[in-house]
Amino acid sequence: MEIIGPEKLLLEVTLILDKLKINYYITGGFAVSVWGKPRATFDIDIVVALVGPELPDLIKALRKISKAGYIDQDTAREALRTKGEFNFIDPDTGLKVDFWVLGNDEMARTVLKRKIIKKINGQNISFVSPEDLILNKLLWYRESQSSRHLEDIRTIFKFSKTDKAYLKKKVEILGLQEEFNEVKNI
């Protein structure tokens, strides 16, 4: 049986990152599906530790996935400079891959070190740890007030073993006590 859709694109993109030796981890909806309850997602969120020289090779390799694939070089270069985001759109699936350039701060480096490898269809894929996904979801919830983030956190707690001491410490450091308490109330 052939893998199609989001999973196929995930495997193709992460294989490219591995071949180019670009350190990365999957976050967002795909990570929620691994650590919590699977849910529909229409994009793939990947945090990448890009330095710069590998960017042209990454763009070239992504374009080989689909000749009609879209990636803006200028946006990618700007994202590299500002530690922002750029994306690749695969017209065959209609899916978007959001590449988030890893920041220079201690938290970003810690999250990258704590990534966890999961095997999908025989391929090793790096995912954000469940604890760091929870922390990111709390930060995103603070920004957007979207209850989806709280629901995602609830399912991660339900389906994954988490390091409560690490979470408690980071929640305090990041000032997320109020948001974390809301998770307990749903």
N, C-alpha and C. Protein backbone atom coordinates (compact mmCIF):
# COMPACT_ATOMS: atom_id res chain seq x y z
N MET A 1 0.84 -1.19 0.00
CA MET A 1 0.00 0.00 0.00
C MET A 1 0.89 1.25 0.00
N GLU A 2 0.61 2.16 -0.89
CA GLU A 2 1.40 3.39 -0.99
C GLU A 2 0.91 4.42 0.01
N ILE A 3 1.87 5.08 0.65
CA ILE A 3 1.54 6.16 1.57
C ILE A 3 1.25 7.40 0.72
N ILE A 4 0.15 8.08 1.03
CA ILE A 4 -0.21 9.27 0.26
C ILE A 4 -0.46 10.43 1.21
N GLY A 5 -0.57 11.62 0.64
CA GLY A 5 -0.97 12.79 1.41
C GLY A 5 0.09 13.30 2.36
N PRO A 6 -0.37 13.76 3.53
CA PRO A 6 0.54 14.41 4.47
C PRO A 6 1.70 13.52 4.93
N GLU A 7 1.43 12.24 5.17
CA GLU A 7 2.49 11.36 5.65
C GLU A 7 3.59 11.20 4.60
N LYS A 8 3.19 11.07 3.34
CA LYS A 8 4.17 10.93 2.26
C LYS A 8 5.04 12.18 2.17
N LEU A 9 4.41 13.34 2.21
CA LEU A 9 5.15 14.59 2.14
C LEU A 9 6.08 14.73 3.35
N LEU A 10 5.60 14.36 4.53
CA LEU A 10 6.43 14.40 5.74
C LEU A 10 7.68 13.54 5.56
N LEU A 11 7.51 12.33 5.05
CA LEU A 11 8.64 11.42 4.84
C LEU A 11 9.61 11.99 3.81
N GLU A 12 9.10 12.56 2.73
CA GLU A 12 9.97 13.13 1.69
C GLU A 12 10.78 14.31 2.22
N VAL A 13 10.12 15.21 2.93
CA VAL A 13 10.80 16.41 3.43
C VAL A 13 11.83 16.05 4.49
N THR A 14 11.48 15.17 5.42
CA THR A 14 12.44 14.82 6.47
C THR A 14 13.62 14.03 5.91
N LEU A 15 13.40 13.25 4.86
CA LEU A 15 14.51 12.55 4.21
C LEU A 15 15.48 13.57 3.61
N ILE A 16 14.95 14.61 3.00
CA ILE A 16 15.79 15.69 2.47
C ILE A 16 16.61 16.33 3.59
N LEU A 17 15.94 16.66 4.69
CA LEU A 17 16.64 17.29 5.82
C LEU A 17 17.75 16.38 6.34
N ASP A 18 17.47 15.09 6.44
CA ASP A 18 18.48 14.14 6.91
C ASP A 18 19.66 14.08 5.94
N LYS A 19 19.38 14.01 4.64
CA LYS A 19 20.45 13.94 3.63
C LYS A 19 21.32 15.19 3.66
N LEU A 20 20.70 16.34 3.92
CA LEU A 20 21.45 17.60 3.97
C LEU A 20 22.07 17.86 5.35
N LYS A 21 21.83 16.92 6.28
CA LYS A 21 22.34 17.02 7.65
C LYS A 21 21.86 18.30 8.35
N ILE A 22 20.58 18.63 8.12
CA ILE A 22 19.95 19.77 8.78
C ILE A 22 19.19 19.23 9.98
N ASN A 23 19.59 19.68 11.16
CA ASN A 23 18.93 19.25 12.40
C ASN A 23 17.53 19.86 12.43
N TYR A 24 16.54 19.08 12.85
CA TYR A 24 15.15 19.54 12.81
C TYR A 24 14.31 18.78 13.83
N TYR A 25 13.08 19.25 14.02
CA TYR A 25 12.05 18.46 14.69
C TYR A 25 10.68 18.90 14.19
N ILE A 26 9.76 17.94 14.20
CA ILE A 26 8.37 18.18 13.80
C ILE A 26 7.62 18.69 15.03
N THR A 27 6.79 19.70 14.82
CA THR A 27 5.96 20.24 15.90
C THR A 27 4.54 20.42 15.35
N GLY A 28 3.70 21.16 16.02
CA GLY A 28 2.35 21.43 15.53
C GLY A 28 1.44 20.22 15.52
N GLY A 29 0.49 20.21 14.57
CA GLY A 29 -0.53 19.17 14.50
C GLY A 29 0.00 17.76 14.33
N PHE A 30 1.06 17.61 13.54
CA PHE A 30 1.64 16.27 13.38
C PHE A 30 2.20 15.76 14.69
N ALA A 31 2.86 16.62 15.44
CA ALA A 31 3.40 16.21 16.74
C ALA A 31 2.28 15.90 17.72
N VAL A 32 1.20 16.66 17.66
CA VAL A 32 0.03 16.36 18.51
C VAL A 32 -0.50 14.97 18.18
N SER A 33 -0.52 14.62 16.90
CA SER A 33 -1.01 13.30 16.50
C SER A 33 -0.11 12.18 17.01
N VAL A 34 1.17 12.46 17.19
CA VAL A 34 2.10 11.47 17.73
C VAL A 34 1.97 11.35 19.24
N TRP A 35 1.88 12.49 19.94
CA TRP A 35 1.89 12.49 21.41
C TRP A 35 0.50 12.52 22.02
N GLY A 36 -0.50 12.91 21.25
CA GLY A 36 -1.86 13.01 21.77
C GLY A 36 -2.83 12.28 20.88
N LYS A 37 -3.96 12.90 20.65
CA LYS A 37 -5.01 12.31 19.82
C LYS A 37 -4.82 12.78 18.38
N PRO A 38 -4.78 11.85 17.43
CA PRO A 38 -4.65 12.27 16.03
C PRO A 38 -5.78 13.22 15.64
N ARG A 39 -5.40 14.25 14.88
CA ARG A 39 -6.40 15.21 14.41
C ARG A 39 -6.01 15.68 13.02
N ALA A 40 -6.97 16.20 12.31
CA ALA A 40 -6.72 16.69 10.95
C ALA A 40 -5.78 17.89 11.01
N THR A 41 -4.84 17.90 10.10
CA THR A 41 -3.95 19.06 9.97
C THR A 41 -3.65 19.24 8.49
N PHE A 42 -3.54 20.48 8.08
CA PHE A 42 -3.36 20.77 6.67
C PHE A 42 -1.99 21.39 6.39
N ASP A 43 -1.12 21.30 7.38
CA ASP A 43 0.25 21.74 7.17
C ASP A 43 1.18 20.89 8.02
N ILE A 44 2.45 21.00 7.71
CA ILE A 44 3.48 20.30 8.47
C ILE A 44 4.40 21.38 9.02
N ASP A 45 4.53 21.43 10.34
CA ASP A 45 5.38 22.44 10.98
C ASP A 45 6.70 21.80 11.37
N ILE A 46 7.79 22.37 10.85
CA ILE A 46 9.12 21.83 11.10
C ILE A 46 10.03 22.96 11.57
N VAL A 47 10.65 22.77 12.73
CA VAL A 47 11.67 23.70 13.21
C VAL A 47 13.00 23.20 12.67
N VAL A 48 13.74 24.07 11.99
CA VAL A 48 15.01 23.69 11.36
C VAL A 48 16.15 24.53 11.91
N ALA A 49 17.27 23.86 12.15
CA ALA A 49 18.48 24.55 12.61
C ALA A 49 19.31 24.91 11.38
N LEU A 50 18.87 25.93 10.67
CA LEU A 50 19.57 26.38 9.46
C LEU A 50 20.63 27.39 9.82
N VAL A 51 21.79 27.25 9.21
CA VAL A 51 22.87 28.20 9.42
C VAL A 51 22.97 29.14 8.22
N GLY A 52 22.78 28.61 7.04
CA GLY A 52 22.81 29.45 5.85
C GLY A 52 23.30 28.75 4.60
N PRO A 53 24.50 28.15 4.65
CA PRO A 53 25.04 27.55 3.43
C PRO A 53 24.17 26.44 2.83
N GLU A 54 23.39 25.77 3.67
CA GLU A 54 22.58 24.65 3.17
C GLU A 54 21.24 25.10 2.57
N LEU A 55 20.90 26.37 2.69
CA LEU A 55 19.60 26.85 2.21
C LEU A 55 19.39 26.63 0.71
N PRO A 56 20.35 26.98 -0.17
CA PRO A 56 20.12 26.74 -1.60
C PRO A 56 19.89 25.26 -1.93
N ASP A 57 20.63 24.37 -1.26
CA ASP A 57 20.44 22.93 -1.49
C ASP A 57 19.08 22.47 -1.01
N LEU A 58 18.61 23.03 0.10
CA LEU A 58 17.29 22.68 0.62
C LEU A 58 16.21 23.12 -0.38
N ILE A 59 16.31 24.33 -0.86
CA ILE A 59 15.33 24.85 -1.83
C ILE A 59 15.32 23.98 -3.09
N LYS A 60 16.50 23.66 -3.59
CA LYS A 60 16.62 22.83 -4.80
C LYS A 60 15.98 21.46 -4.58
N ALA A 61 16.25 20.84 -3.44
CA ALA A 61 15.70 19.51 -3.14
C ALA A 61 14.18 19.55 -2.98
N LEU A 62 13.67 20.61 -2.33
CA LEU A 62 12.22 20.73 -2.17
C LEU A 62 11.53 20.87 -3.52
N ARG A 63 12.14 21.60 -4.42
CA ARG A 63 11.56 21.78 -5.75
C ARG A 63 11.52 20.47 -6.53
N LYS A 64 12.38 19.53 -6.18
CA LYS A 64 12.37 18.22 -6.85
C LYS A 64 11.17 17.37 -6.41
N ILE A 65 10.59 17.68 -5.26
CA ILE A 65 9.40 16.94 -4.81
C ILE A 65 8.28 17.12 -5.83
N SER A 66 8.13 18.35 -6.29
CA SER A 66 7.11 18.66 -7.29
C SER A 66 7.60 19.84 -8.12
N LYS A 67 7.61 19.65 -9.43
CA LYS A 67 8.07 20.74 -10.31
C LYS A 67 7.23 22.00 -10.14
N ALA A 68 5.98 21.82 -9.77
CA ALA A 68 5.08 22.97 -9.57
C ALA A 68 5.09 23.44 -8.11
N GLY A 69 5.92 22.83 -7.27
CA GLY A 69 5.99 23.22 -5.86
C GLY A 69 6.43 24.67 -5.72
N TYR A 70 5.93 25.32 -4.69
CA TYR A 70 6.22 26.74 -4.51
C TYR A 70 7.06 26.96 -3.26
N ILE A 71 8.16 27.67 -3.44
CA ILE A 71 8.97 28.15 -2.32
C ILE A 71 9.62 29.45 -2.78
N ASP A 72 9.52 30.48 -1.98
CA ASP A 72 10.07 31.78 -2.33
C ASP A 72 11.46 31.92 -1.71
N GLN A 73 12.48 32.03 -2.56
CA GLN A 73 13.87 32.12 -2.08
C GLN A 73 14.10 33.34 -1.21
N ASP A 74 13.54 34.48 -1.60
CA ASP A 74 13.74 35.70 -0.83
C ASP A 74 13.13 35.58 0.56
N THR A 75 11.94 35.00 0.63
CA THR A 75 11.29 34.80 1.93
C THR A 75 12.11 33.85 2.79
N ALA A 76 12.65 32.81 2.18
CA ALA A 76 13.48 31.84 2.92
C ALA A 76 14.75 32.51 3.45
N ARG A 77 15.38 33.34 2.62
CA ARG A 77 16.60 34.04 3.08
C ARG A 77 16.28 35.01 4.22
N GLU A 78 15.15 35.70 4.10
CA GLU A 78 14.73 36.64 5.16
C GLU A 78 14.43 35.88 6.45
N ALA A 79 13.79 34.73 6.34
CA ALA A 79 13.49 33.91 7.52
C ALA A 79 14.78 33.45 8.19
N LEU A 80 15.77 33.14 7.39
CA LEU A 80 17.06 32.73 7.94
C LEU A 80 17.69 33.89 8.71
N ARG A 81 17.59 35.08 8.15
CA ARG A 81 18.17 36.26 8.79
C ARG A 81 17.45 36.63 10.09
N THR A 82 16.11 36.53 10.08
CA THR A 82 15.31 36.99 11.23
C THR A 82 14.89 35.87 12.18
N LYS A 83 15.28 34.64 11.85
CA LYS A 83 14.83 33.45 12.61
C LYS A 83 13.31 33.35 12.54
N GLY A 84 12.81 33.57 11.35
CA GLY A 84 11.36 33.54 11.11
C GLY A 84 10.92 32.27 10.41
N GLU A 85 9.93 32.42 9.52
CA GLU A 85 9.29 31.28 8.89
C GLU A 85 9.23 31.45 7.38
N PHE A 86 9.38 30.34 6.68
CA PHE A 86 9.14 30.29 5.24
C PHE A 86 8.42 28.98 4.95
N ASN A 87 7.83 28.87 3.76
CA ASN A 87 7.11 27.63 3.51
C ASN A 87 7.29 27.11 2.10
N PHE A 88 6.95 25.84 1.99
CA PHE A 88 6.93 25.11 0.73
C PHE A 88 5.50 24.62 0.54
N ILE A 89 4.94 24.86 -0.63
CA ILE A 89 3.58 24.41 -0.91
C ILE A 89 3.65 23.33 -1.99
N ASP A 90 3.10 22.17 -1.67
CA ASP A 90 3.07 21.04 -2.60
C ASP A 90 1.72 21.03 -3.32
N PRO A 91 1.70 21.37 -4.60
CA PRO A 91 0.42 21.46 -5.31
C PRO A 91 -0.26 20.10 -5.50
N ASP A 92 0.51 19.02 -5.46
CA ASP A 92 -0.08 17.69 -5.65
C ASP A 92 -1.02 17.33 -4.49
N THR A 93 -0.66 17.76 -3.29
CA THR A 93 -1.49 17.45 -2.11
C THR A 93 -2.23 18.68 -1.59
N GLY A 94 -1.78 19.87 -2.00
CA GLY A 94 -2.36 21.10 -1.47
C GLY A 94 -1.84 21.42 -0.08
N LEU A 95 -0.85 20.66 0.37
CA LEU A 95 -0.31 20.85 1.72
C LEU A 95 0.82 21.87 1.74
N LYS A 96 0.95 22.49 2.89
CA LYS A 96 1.99 23.49 3.11
C LYS A 96 2.93 22.96 4.19
N VAL A 97 4.22 23.11 3.95
CA VAL A 97 5.23 22.80 4.96
C VAL A 97 5.76 24.13 5.47
N ASP A 98 5.52 24.40 6.75
CA ASP A 98 6.04 25.62 7.37
C ASP A 98 7.37 25.30 8.02
N PHE A 99 8.42 25.97 7.56
CA PHE A 99 9.75 25.82 8.15
C PHE A 99 9.98 27.00 9.08
N TRP A 100 10.20 26.71 10.35
CA TRP A 100 10.47 27.73 11.37
C TRP A 100 11.96 27.64 11.68
N VAL A 101 12.70 28.72 11.44
CA VAL A 101 14.14 28.70 11.68
C VAL A 101 14.39 28.80 13.18
N LEU A 102 15.17 27.86 13.70
CA LEU A 102 15.48 27.77 15.12
C LEU A 102 16.10 29.07 15.62
N GLY A 103 15.61 29.56 16.74
CA GLY A 103 16.15 30.77 17.35
C GLY A 103 17.50 30.52 18.00
N ASN A 104 18.12 31.60 18.45
CA ASN A 104 19.44 31.52 19.08
C ASN A 104 19.38 31.44 20.60
N ASP A 105 18.16 31.40 21.16
CA ASP A 105 18.03 31.45 22.61
C ASP A 105 18.20 30.06 23.23
N GLU A 106 18.39 30.06 24.54
CA GLU A 106 18.63 28.82 25.27
C GLU A 106 17.45 27.85 25.17
N MET A 107 16.23 28.38 25.26
CA MET A 107 15.06 27.51 25.18
C MET A 107 15.02 26.77 23.84
N ALA A 108 15.28 27.47 22.76
CA ALA A 108 15.26 26.85 21.43
C ALA A 108 16.30 25.73 21.34
N ARG A 109 17.49 25.98 21.86
CA ARG A 109 18.55 24.96 21.83
C ARG A 109 18.18 23.76 22.70
N THR A 110 17.55 24.03 23.85
CA THR A 110 17.13 22.95 24.76
C THR A 110 16.08 22.08 24.09
N VAL A 111 15.10 22.70 23.46
CA VAL A 111 14.03 21.95 22.79
C VAL A 111 14.62 21.06 21.70
N LEU A 112 15.58 21.59 20.94
CA LEU A 112 16.22 20.80 19.88
C LEU A 112 16.96 19.60 20.46
N LYS A 113 17.66 19.80 21.57
CA LYS A 113 18.40 18.70 22.21
C LYS A 113 17.45 17.62 22.74
N ARG A 114 16.25 18.02 23.14
CA ARG A 114 15.29 17.09 23.75
C ARG A 114 14.39 16.38 22.74
N LYS A 115 14.59 16.63 21.46
CA LYS A 115 13.73 16.00 20.45
C LYS A 115 13.78 14.48 20.61
N ILE A 116 12.74 13.82 20.12
CA ILE A 116 12.61 12.37 20.26
C ILE A 116 12.39 11.77 18.87
N ILE A 117 13.14 10.71 18.59
CA ILE A 117 13.04 10.04 17.30
C ILE A 117 11.90 9.01 17.35
N LYS A 118 11.04 9.07 16.34
CA LYS A 118 9.97 8.07 16.17
C LYS A 118 10.13 7.48 14.77
N LYS A 119 9.85 6.21 14.65
CA LYS A 119 9.94 5.54 13.35
C LYS A 119 8.56 5.57 12.68
N ILE A 120 8.52 6.12 11.47
CA ILE A 120 7.29 6.15 10.68
C ILE A 120 7.59 5.51 9.33
N ASN A 121 6.87 4.45 9.03
CA ASN A 121 7.08 3.72 7.78
C ASN A 121 8.56 3.36 7.58
N GLY A 122 9.22 2.96 8.66
CA GLY A 122 10.61 2.54 8.59
C GLY A 122 11.62 3.67 8.57
N GLN A 123 11.17 4.90 8.65
CA GLN A 123 12.07 6.06 8.59
C GLN A 123 12.08 6.77 9.93
N ASN A 124 13.28 7.13 10.40
CA ASN A 124 13.41 7.88 11.66
C ASN A 124 13.02 9.33 11.42
N ILE A 125 12.10 9.82 12.25
CA ILE A 125 11.62 11.20 12.17
C ILE A 125 11.80 11.83 13.54
N SER A 126 12.33 13.05 13.59
CA SER A 126 12.54 13.77 14.86
C SER A 126 11.30 14.59 15.21
N PHE A 127 10.81 14.38 16.43
CA PHE A 127 9.64 15.12 16.92
C PHE A 127 10.00 15.90 18.18
N VAL A 128 9.34 17.03 18.37
CA VAL A 128 9.46 17.77 19.61
C VAL A 128 9.01 16.84 20.73
N SER A 129 9.61 16.96 21.91
CA SER A 129 9.18 16.13 23.05
C SER A 129 7.76 16.53 23.46
N PRO A 130 7.02 15.63 24.11
CA PRO A 130 5.66 16.01 24.52
C PRO A 130 5.65 17.20 25.48
N GLU A 131 6.64 17.28 26.37
CA GLU A 131 6.69 18.40 27.32
C GLU A 131 6.91 19.72 26.60
N ASP A 132 7.85 19.73 25.64
CA ASP A 132 8.13 20.97 24.93
C ASP A 132 6.98 21.35 23.99
N LEU A 133 6.27 20.35 23.48
CA LEU A 133 5.08 20.64 22.69
C LEU A 133 4.01 21.29 23.57
N ILE A 134 3.84 20.78 24.77
CA ILE A 134 2.88 21.38 25.72
C ILE A 134 3.26 22.83 26.01
N LEU A 135 4.54 23.08 26.26
CA LEU A 135 4.98 24.45 26.55
C LEU A 135 4.73 25.37 25.36
N ASN A 136 5.03 24.88 24.16
CA ASN A 136 4.77 25.69 22.96
C ASN A 136 3.28 25.94 22.78
N LYS A 137 2.47 24.93 23.03
CA LYS A 137 1.02 25.09 22.92
C LYS A 137 0.51 26.12 23.93
N LEU A 138 1.09 26.13 25.13
CA LEU A 138 0.71 27.14 26.13
C LEU A 138 1.07 28.54 25.65
N LEU A 139 2.26 28.68 25.05
CA LEU A 139 2.67 29.98 24.52
C LEU A 139 1.75 30.41 23.37
N TRP A 140 1.41 29.47 22.48
CA TRP A 140 0.52 29.79 21.36
C TRP A 140 -0.87 30.13 21.88
N TYR A 141 -1.31 29.43 22.94
CA TYR A 141 -2.62 29.73 23.53
C TYR A 141 -2.63 31.15 24.10
N ARG A 142 -1.54 31.51 24.78
CA ARG A 142 -1.44 32.87 25.35
C ARG A 142 -1.63 33.91 24.25
N GLU A 143 -1.04 33.65 23.08
CA GLU A 143 -1.11 34.58 21.96
C GLU A 143 -2.48 34.61 21.30
N SER A 144 -3.04 33.43 21.06
CA SER A 144 -4.24 33.35 20.22
C SER A 144 -5.54 33.14 20.98
N GLN A 145 -5.46 32.63 22.20
CA GLN A 145 -6.63 32.25 22.99
C GLN A 145 -7.47 31.18 22.30
N SER A 146 -6.88 30.44 21.37
CA SER A 146 -7.60 29.36 20.69
C SER A 146 -7.68 28.15 21.60
N SER A 147 -8.91 27.71 21.87
CA SER A 147 -9.12 26.57 22.77
C SER A 147 -8.56 25.27 22.19
N ARG A 148 -8.31 25.25 20.88
CA ARG A 148 -7.73 24.05 20.27
C ARG A 148 -6.40 23.70 20.93
N HIS A 149 -5.61 24.72 21.29
CA HIS A 149 -4.32 24.45 21.93
C HIS A 149 -4.51 23.76 23.28
N LEU A 150 -5.50 24.20 24.04
CA LEU A 150 -5.77 23.56 25.34
C LEU A 150 -6.25 22.13 25.15
N GLU A 151 -7.08 21.90 24.15
CA GLU A 151 -7.56 20.54 23.87
C GLU A 151 -6.40 19.65 23.44
N ASP A 152 -5.49 20.18 22.61
CA ASP A 152 -4.30 19.42 22.22
C ASP A 152 -3.49 19.02 23.45
N ILE A 153 -3.29 19.97 24.36
CA ILE A 153 -2.52 19.70 25.58
C ILE A 153 -3.19 18.61 26.39
N ARG A 154 -4.51 18.70 26.51
CA ARG A 154 -5.25 17.70 27.28
C ARG A 154 -5.01 16.30 26.70
N THR A 155 -5.05 16.17 25.36
CA THR A 155 -4.85 14.85 24.75
C THR A 155 -3.42 14.37 24.90
N ILE A 156 -2.46 15.29 24.90
CA ILE A 156 -1.06 14.89 25.11
C ILE A 156 -0.91 14.31 26.51
N PHE A 157 -1.49 14.97 27.51
CA PHE A 157 -1.44 14.43 28.87
C PHE A 157 -2.12 13.07 28.96
N LYS A 158 -3.20 12.90 28.22
CA LYS A 158 -3.96 11.65 28.28
C LYS A 158 -3.19 10.48 27.66
N PHE A 159 -2.49 10.72 26.56
CA PHE A 159 -1.88 9.63 25.80
C PHE A 159 -0.36 9.51 25.94
N SER A 160 0.30 10.45 26.58
CA SER A 160 1.77 10.40 26.68
C SER A 160 2.23 10.55 28.11
N LYS A 161 3.32 9.86 28.41
CA LYS A 161 3.97 10.03 29.71
C LYS A 161 4.80 11.32 29.61
N THR A 162 4.64 12.19 30.59
CA THR A 162 5.37 13.46 30.56
C THR A 162 6.19 13.64 31.83
N ASP A 163 7.26 14.39 31.70
CA ASP A 163 8.13 14.72 32.82
C ASP A 163 7.52 15.92 33.54
N LYS A 164 6.77 15.66 34.59
CA LYS A 164 6.04 16.71 35.31
C LYS A 164 6.98 17.73 35.95
N ALA A 165 8.13 17.27 36.47
CA ALA A 165 9.08 18.19 37.11
C ALA A 165 9.63 19.18 36.09
N TYR A 166 10.00 18.69 34.90
CA TYR A 166 10.49 19.56 33.84
C TYR A 166 9.42 20.58 33.45
N LEU A 167 8.19 20.09 33.28
CA LEU A 167 7.08 20.98 32.90
C LEU A 167 6.86 22.06 33.95
N LYS A 168 6.81 21.65 35.21
CA LYS A 168 6.56 22.62 36.29
C LYS A 168 7.62 23.71 36.30
N LYS A 169 8.88 23.29 36.18
CA LYS A 169 9.99 24.25 36.19
C LYS A 169 9.87 25.23 35.01
N LYS A 170 9.63 24.69 33.81
CA LYS A 170 9.55 25.55 32.62
C LYS A 170 8.31 26.45 32.63
N VAL A 171 7.20 25.94 33.14
CA VAL A 171 5.98 26.76 33.25
C VAL A 171 6.27 27.97 34.12
N GLU A 172 6.98 27.76 35.23
CA GLU A 172 7.33 28.89 36.12
C GLU A 172 8.29 29.85 35.44
N ILE A 173 9.34 29.32 34.79
CA ILE A 173 10.33 30.17 34.12
C ILE A 173 9.66 31.03 33.03
N LEU A 174 8.74 30.43 32.29
CA LEU A 174 8.09 31.12 31.17
C LEU A 174 6.87 31.94 31.60
N GLY A 175 6.53 31.88 32.88
CA GLY A 175 5.37 32.64 33.38
C GLY A 175 4.05 32.16 32.80
N LEU A 176 3.91 30.85 32.67
CA LEU A 176 2.72 30.27 32.04
C LEU A 176 1.77 29.62 33.05
N GLN A 177 1.87 29.99 34.32
CA GLN A 177 1.05 29.36 35.35
C GLN A 177 -0.45 29.53 35.07
N GLU A 178 -0.84 30.74 34.68
CA GLU A 178 -2.26 31.01 34.42
C GLU A 178 -2.79 30.14 33.28
N GLU A 179 -2.03 30.08 32.19
CA GLU A 179 -2.43 29.27 31.04
C GLU A 179 -2.44 27.78 31.41
N PHE A 180 -1.44 27.36 32.18
CA PHE A 180 -1.36 25.96 32.59
C PHE A 180 -2.54 25.58 33.47
N ASN A 181 -2.95 26.49 34.34
CA ASN A 181 -4.11 26.23 35.20
C ASN A 181 -5.39 26.06 34.38
N GLU A 182 -5.48 26.76 33.25
CA GLU A 182 -6.66 26.61 32.39
C GLU A 182 -6.77 25.20 31.83
N VAL A 183 -5.63 24.56 31.58
CA VAL A 183 -5.64 23.18 31.08
C VAL A 183 -6.28 22.27 32.11
N LYS A 184 -5.99 22.50 33.37
CA LYS A 184 -6.55 21.67 34.44
C LYS A 184 -8.06 21.83 34.55
N ASN A 185 -8.58 22.95 34.06
CA ASN A 185 -10.02 23.23 34.20
C ASN A 185 -10.85 22.77 33.01
N ILE A 186 -10.22 22.14 32.02
CA ILE A 186 -11.04 21.69 30.87
C ILE A 186 -11.30 20.20 30.95
